[in-house]
N, C-alpha and C. Protein backbone atom coordinates (compact mmCIF):
# COMPACT_ATOMS: atom_id res chain seq x y z
N UNK A 1 111.42 45.31 35.16
CA UNK A 1 112.03 46.62 35.22
C UNK A 1 112.68 46.92 33.87
N UNK A 2 112.49 48.14 33.42
CA UNK A 2 113.04 48.52 32.12
C UNK A 2 114.56 48.59 32.19
N UNK A 3 115.15 48.52 31.03
CA UNK A 3 116.61 48.60 30.93
C UNK A 3 117.11 49.95 31.45
N UNK A 4 116.37 50.99 31.14
CA UNK A 4 116.76 52.33 31.61
C UNK A 4 116.71 52.41 33.13
N UNK A 5 115.66 51.87 33.74
CA UNK A 5 115.57 51.86 35.19
C UNK A 5 116.71 51.07 35.81
N UNK A 6 117.03 49.94 35.22
CA UNK A 6 118.15 49.13 35.72
C UNK A 6 119.46 49.91 35.67
N UNK A 7 119.69 50.59 34.57
CA UNK A 7 120.91 51.39 34.43
C UNK A 7 120.96 52.51 35.47
N UNK A 8 119.84 53.18 35.66
CA UNK A 8 119.79 54.26 36.65
C UNK A 8 120.00 53.72 38.07
N UNK A 9 119.45 52.56 38.36
CA UNK A 9 119.66 51.94 39.67
C UNK A 9 121.14 51.60 39.88
N UNK A 10 121.78 51.11 38.83
CA UNK A 10 123.22 50.82 38.92
C UNK A 10 124.02 52.10 39.14
N UNK A 11 123.64 53.15 38.44
CA UNK A 11 124.33 54.43 38.61
C UNK A 11 124.17 54.94 40.05
N UNK A 12 122.98 54.79 40.60
CA UNK A 12 122.74 55.24 41.96
C UNK A 12 123.54 54.40 42.96
N UNK A 13 123.67 53.11 42.68
CA UNK A 13 124.46 52.24 43.57
C UNK A 13 125.93 52.65 43.57
N UNK A 14 126.43 53.11 42.43
CA UNK A 14 127.83 53.50 42.35
C UNK A 14 128.07 54.92 42.86
N UNK A 15 127.04 55.76 42.83
CA UNK A 15 127.16 57.14 43.35
C UNK A 15 125.92 57.46 44.18
N UNK A 16 125.81 56.87 45.37
CA UNK A 16 124.61 57.07 46.19
C UNK A 16 124.36 58.55 46.48
N UNK A 17 123.12 58.93 46.37
CA UNK A 17 122.75 60.30 46.67
C UNK A 17 123.00 61.30 45.56
N UNK A 18 123.47 60.85 44.39
CA UNK A 18 123.72 61.77 43.29
C UNK A 18 122.40 62.43 42.89
N UNK A 19 122.32 63.77 42.97
CA UNK A 19 121.04 64.44 42.69
C UNK A 19 120.51 64.18 41.29
N UNK A 20 121.36 64.20 40.28
CA UNK A 20 120.88 63.98 38.93
C UNK A 20 120.28 62.58 38.78
N UNK A 21 120.94 61.59 39.36
CA UNK A 21 120.44 60.21 39.24
C UNK A 21 119.12 60.05 39.99
N UNK A 22 119.00 60.64 41.17
CA UNK A 22 117.74 60.58 41.91
C UNK A 22 116.62 61.23 41.10
N UNK A 23 116.92 62.38 40.51
CA UNK A 23 115.93 63.07 39.69
C UNK A 23 115.54 62.22 38.48
N UNK A 24 116.53 61.64 37.81
CA UNK A 24 116.27 60.81 36.64
C UNK A 24 115.42 59.59 37.00
N UNK A 25 115.70 58.99 38.16
CA UNK A 25 114.89 57.85 38.60
C UNK A 25 113.45 58.27 38.87
N UNK A 26 113.27 59.40 39.51
CA UNK A 26 111.92 59.89 39.78
C UNK A 26 111.17 60.10 38.47
N UNK A 27 111.82 60.75 37.51
CA UNK A 27 111.17 61.01 36.22
C UNK A 27 110.85 59.70 35.49
N UNK A 28 111.76 58.77 35.55
CA UNK A 28 111.55 57.50 34.85
C UNK A 28 110.38 56.72 35.47
N UNK A 29 110.31 56.68 36.79
CA UNK A 29 109.17 56.02 37.44
C UNK A 29 107.87 56.76 37.13
N UNK A 30 107.95 58.06 37.06
CA UNK A 30 106.77 58.85 36.72
C UNK A 30 106.27 58.47 35.32
N UNK A 31 107.20 58.31 34.39
CA UNK A 31 106.83 57.93 33.01
C UNK A 31 106.13 56.58 32.97
N UNK A 32 106.54 55.67 33.86
CA UNK A 32 105.93 54.34 33.86
C UNK A 32 104.59 54.32 34.59
N UNK A 33 104.25 55.45 35.23
CA UNK A 33 102.99 55.51 35.96
C UNK A 33 103.11 55.07 37.40
N UNK A 34 104.32 54.75 37.85
CA UNK A 34 104.52 54.34 39.24
C UNK A 34 104.76 55.59 40.08
N UNK A 35 103.66 56.25 40.43
CA UNK A 35 103.75 57.52 41.14
C UNK A 35 104.32 57.37 42.54
N UNK A 36 104.07 56.23 43.17
CA UNK A 36 104.60 56.01 44.52
C UNK A 36 106.13 55.99 44.52
N UNK A 37 106.70 55.25 43.57
CA UNK A 37 108.16 55.20 43.46
C UNK A 37 108.72 56.56 43.06
N UNK A 38 108.06 57.23 42.12
CA UNK A 38 108.51 58.56 41.69
C UNK A 38 108.52 59.51 42.88
N UNK A 39 107.45 59.52 43.65
CA UNK A 39 107.36 60.39 44.81
C UNK A 39 108.46 60.07 45.81
N UNK A 40 108.73 58.79 46.00
CA UNK A 40 109.80 58.40 46.92
C UNK A 40 111.15 58.96 46.51
N UNK A 41 111.45 58.91 45.22
CA UNK A 41 112.74 59.45 44.75
C UNK A 41 112.77 60.97 44.81
N UNK A 42 111.65 61.62 44.50
CA UNK A 42 111.61 63.08 44.63
C UNK A 42 111.83 63.49 46.09
N UNK A 43 111.18 62.80 47.01
CA UNK A 43 111.32 63.14 48.42
C UNK A 43 112.72 62.84 48.94
N UNK A 44 113.31 61.80 48.44
CA UNK A 44 114.70 61.51 48.81
C UNK A 44 115.62 62.62 48.29
N UNK A 45 115.39 63.05 47.05
CA UNK A 45 116.17 64.14 46.48
C UNK A 45 115.97 65.41 47.31
N UNK A 46 114.75 65.68 47.71
CA UNK A 46 114.47 66.85 48.55
C UNK A 46 115.25 66.77 49.87
N UNK A 47 115.30 65.58 50.46
CA UNK A 47 116.00 65.42 51.73
C UNK A 47 117.52 65.53 51.56
N UNK A 48 118.04 65.03 50.45
CA UNK A 48 119.49 64.96 50.27
C UNK A 48 120.08 66.15 49.52
N UNK A 49 119.28 66.81 48.70
CA UNK A 49 119.78 67.94 47.90
C UNK A 49 118.68 68.99 47.73
N UNK A 50 118.28 69.64 48.83
CA UNK A 50 117.16 70.58 48.76
C UNK A 50 117.43 71.80 47.88
N UNK A 51 118.66 72.00 47.47
CA UNK A 51 118.99 73.13 46.59
C UNK A 51 118.91 72.76 45.11
N UNK A 52 118.48 71.54 44.79
CA UNK A 52 118.34 71.09 43.40
C UNK A 52 117.06 71.72 42.85
N UNK A 53 117.20 72.83 42.18
CA UNK A 53 116.06 73.67 41.78
C UNK A 53 115.05 72.91 40.92
N UNK A 54 115.51 72.07 40.02
CA UNK A 54 114.61 71.36 39.11
C UNK A 54 113.62 70.44 39.79
N UNK A 55 113.91 70.06 41.00
CA UNK A 55 113.05 69.17 41.77
C UNK A 55 111.65 69.74 41.97
N UNK A 56 111.58 71.00 42.30
CA UNK A 56 110.35 71.58 42.83
C UNK A 56 109.21 71.64 41.82
N UNK A 57 109.49 71.99 40.61
CA UNK A 57 108.43 72.04 39.60
C UNK A 57 107.86 70.63 39.37
N UNK A 58 108.74 69.66 39.23
CA UNK A 58 108.29 68.30 38.91
C UNK A 58 107.60 67.63 40.10
N UNK A 59 108.11 67.86 41.30
CA UNK A 59 107.43 67.33 42.48
C UNK A 59 106.06 67.98 42.64
N UNK A 60 105.98 69.28 42.42
CA UNK A 60 104.69 69.96 42.49
C UNK A 60 103.69 69.42 41.48
N UNK A 61 104.16 69.19 40.26
CA UNK A 61 103.26 68.64 39.23
C UNK A 61 102.79 67.24 39.61
N UNK A 62 103.68 66.44 40.20
CA UNK A 62 103.26 65.10 40.64
C UNK A 62 102.21 65.23 41.74
N UNK A 63 102.42 66.12 42.68
CA UNK A 63 101.40 66.33 43.72
C UNK A 63 100.08 66.76 43.08
N UNK A 64 100.12 67.58 42.06
CA UNK A 64 98.89 67.97 41.37
C UNK A 64 98.19 66.75 40.78
N UNK A 65 98.96 65.88 40.12
CA UNK A 65 98.38 64.67 39.53
C UNK A 65 97.73 63.80 40.60
N UNK A 66 98.35 63.78 41.78
CA UNK A 66 97.83 62.98 42.88
C UNK A 66 96.72 63.70 43.65
N UNK A 67 96.34 64.88 43.15
CA UNK A 67 95.30 65.71 43.75
C UNK A 67 95.63 66.10 45.19
N UNK A 68 96.91 66.35 45.42
CA UNK A 68 97.40 66.80 46.72
C UNK A 68 97.83 68.27 46.54
N UNK A 69 96.82 69.12 46.34
CA UNK A 69 97.08 70.50 45.93
C UNK A 69 97.76 71.34 47.01
N UNK A 70 97.43 71.10 48.27
CA UNK A 70 98.10 71.86 49.33
C UNK A 70 99.60 71.59 49.33
N UNK A 71 99.96 70.34 49.10
CA UNK A 71 101.38 69.99 49.06
C UNK A 71 102.04 70.57 47.81
N UNK A 72 101.31 70.60 46.70
CA UNK A 72 101.86 71.20 45.47
C UNK A 72 102.13 72.68 45.69
N UNK A 73 101.19 73.38 46.31
CA UNK A 73 101.38 74.80 46.59
C UNK A 73 102.61 75.02 47.46
N UNK A 74 102.72 74.24 48.51
CA UNK A 74 103.87 74.37 49.42
C UNK A 74 105.19 74.12 48.70
N UNK A 75 105.21 73.13 47.83
CA UNK A 75 106.43 72.80 47.08
C UNK A 75 106.78 73.92 46.11
N UNK A 76 105.79 74.45 45.41
CA UNK A 76 106.06 75.54 44.48
C UNK A 76 106.62 76.76 45.22
N UNK A 77 106.05 77.06 46.38
CA UNK A 77 106.54 78.21 47.16
C UNK A 77 107.97 77.98 47.63
N UNK A 78 108.23 76.78 48.14
CA UNK A 78 109.60 76.47 48.57
C UNK A 78 110.55 76.53 47.38
N UNK A 79 110.13 76.03 46.25
CA UNK A 79 110.95 76.05 45.05
C UNK A 79 111.27 77.47 44.60
N UNK A 80 110.31 78.36 44.74
CA UNK A 80 110.58 79.76 44.37
C UNK A 80 111.66 80.35 45.28
N UNK A 81 111.61 80.03 46.56
CA UNK A 81 112.64 80.53 47.47
C UNK A 81 114.02 79.98 47.09
N UNK A 82 114.07 78.70 46.76
CA UNK A 82 115.33 78.07 46.36
C UNK A 82 115.83 78.68 45.05
N UNK A 83 114.93 78.86 44.09
CA UNK A 83 115.31 79.44 42.79
C UNK A 83 115.81 80.87 42.97
N UNK A 84 115.14 81.64 43.82
CA UNK A 84 115.58 83.01 44.06
C UNK A 84 116.98 83.04 44.67
N UNK A 85 117.21 82.17 45.64
CA UNK A 85 118.53 82.09 46.28
C UNK A 85 119.60 81.70 45.27
N UNK A 86 119.24 80.80 44.35
CA UNK A 86 120.18 80.34 43.32
C UNK A 86 120.33 81.35 42.18
N UNK A 87 119.50 82.36 42.16
CA UNK A 87 119.55 83.33 41.06
C UNK A 87 119.01 82.77 39.76
N UNK A 88 118.12 81.80 39.86
CA UNK A 88 117.55 81.12 38.68
C UNK A 88 116.17 81.72 38.37
N UNK A 89 116.18 82.80 37.62
CA UNK A 89 114.94 83.52 37.32
C UNK A 89 113.98 82.69 36.47
N UNK A 90 114.51 81.90 35.54
CA UNK A 90 113.66 81.07 34.70
C UNK A 90 112.85 80.09 35.55
N UNK A 91 113.52 79.39 36.45
CA UNK A 91 112.80 78.44 37.31
C UNK A 91 111.83 79.16 38.23
N UNK A 92 112.23 80.32 38.75
CA UNK A 92 111.34 81.11 39.60
C UNK A 92 110.05 81.44 38.84
N UNK A 93 110.19 81.88 37.61
CA UNK A 93 109.02 82.23 36.80
C UNK A 93 108.16 81.00 36.50
N UNK A 94 108.80 79.89 36.20
CA UNK A 94 108.08 78.65 35.92
C UNK A 94 107.29 78.20 37.15
N UNK A 95 107.91 78.25 38.31
CA UNK A 95 107.24 77.87 39.55
C UNK A 95 106.11 78.84 39.88
N UNK A 96 106.33 80.12 39.62
CA UNK A 96 105.28 81.11 39.85
C UNK A 96 104.07 80.85 38.96
N UNK A 97 104.31 80.52 37.71
CA UNK A 97 103.22 80.20 36.79
C UNK A 97 102.43 78.99 37.25
N UNK A 98 103.14 77.95 37.70
CA UNK A 98 102.46 76.75 38.19
C UNK A 98 101.64 77.07 39.43
N UNK A 99 102.18 77.90 40.29
CA UNK A 99 101.49 78.29 41.52
C UNK A 99 100.23 79.09 41.20
N UNK A 100 100.31 80.01 40.28
CA UNK A 100 99.16 80.83 39.90
C UNK A 100 98.02 79.95 39.35
N UNK A 101 98.36 78.90 38.65
CA UNK A 101 97.35 78.03 38.06
C UNK A 101 96.51 77.29 39.10
N UNK A 102 97.08 77.07 40.29
CA UNK A 102 96.34 76.26 41.27
C UNK A 102 96.00 77.01 42.55
N UNK A 103 96.46 78.25 42.70
CA UNK A 103 96.25 78.93 43.96
C UNK A 103 96.16 80.44 43.78
N UNK A 104 95.32 81.06 44.60
CA UNK A 104 95.30 82.52 44.65
C UNK A 104 96.38 83.04 45.58
N UNK A 105 96.90 82.18 46.45
CA UNK A 105 97.90 82.56 47.43
C UNK A 105 99.28 82.36 46.85
N UNK A 106 99.86 83.42 46.31
CA UNK A 106 101.18 83.31 45.68
C UNK A 106 102.28 83.91 46.53
N UNK A 107 101.97 84.31 47.77
CA UNK A 107 103.00 84.83 48.66
C UNK A 107 103.90 83.70 49.14
N UNK A 108 105.16 84.07 49.36
CA UNK A 108 106.10 83.09 49.94
C UNK A 108 105.87 83.12 51.41
């Protein structure tokens, strides 16, 4: 395990459920190519902090890499709803762009 992963695991142990740490762990596992672990942390973040807007774009992209396009579409759509509720137009636009690239169905 990399030093960065160890540090993130320690941070999570001291602040269980911290959205930023869960997101950072998912991204770090994704960088190492461990998509299963990355997906697990993204899904945990989704369960524990579904209003964490940054989750949706990255989880959708991971689903795309895993060729799980129906799940990517669903995540992008859910992310747009969350971004709209949060008033985060930038994330909404980013999620819309990702959705357009893989689907003709862009309705929420």
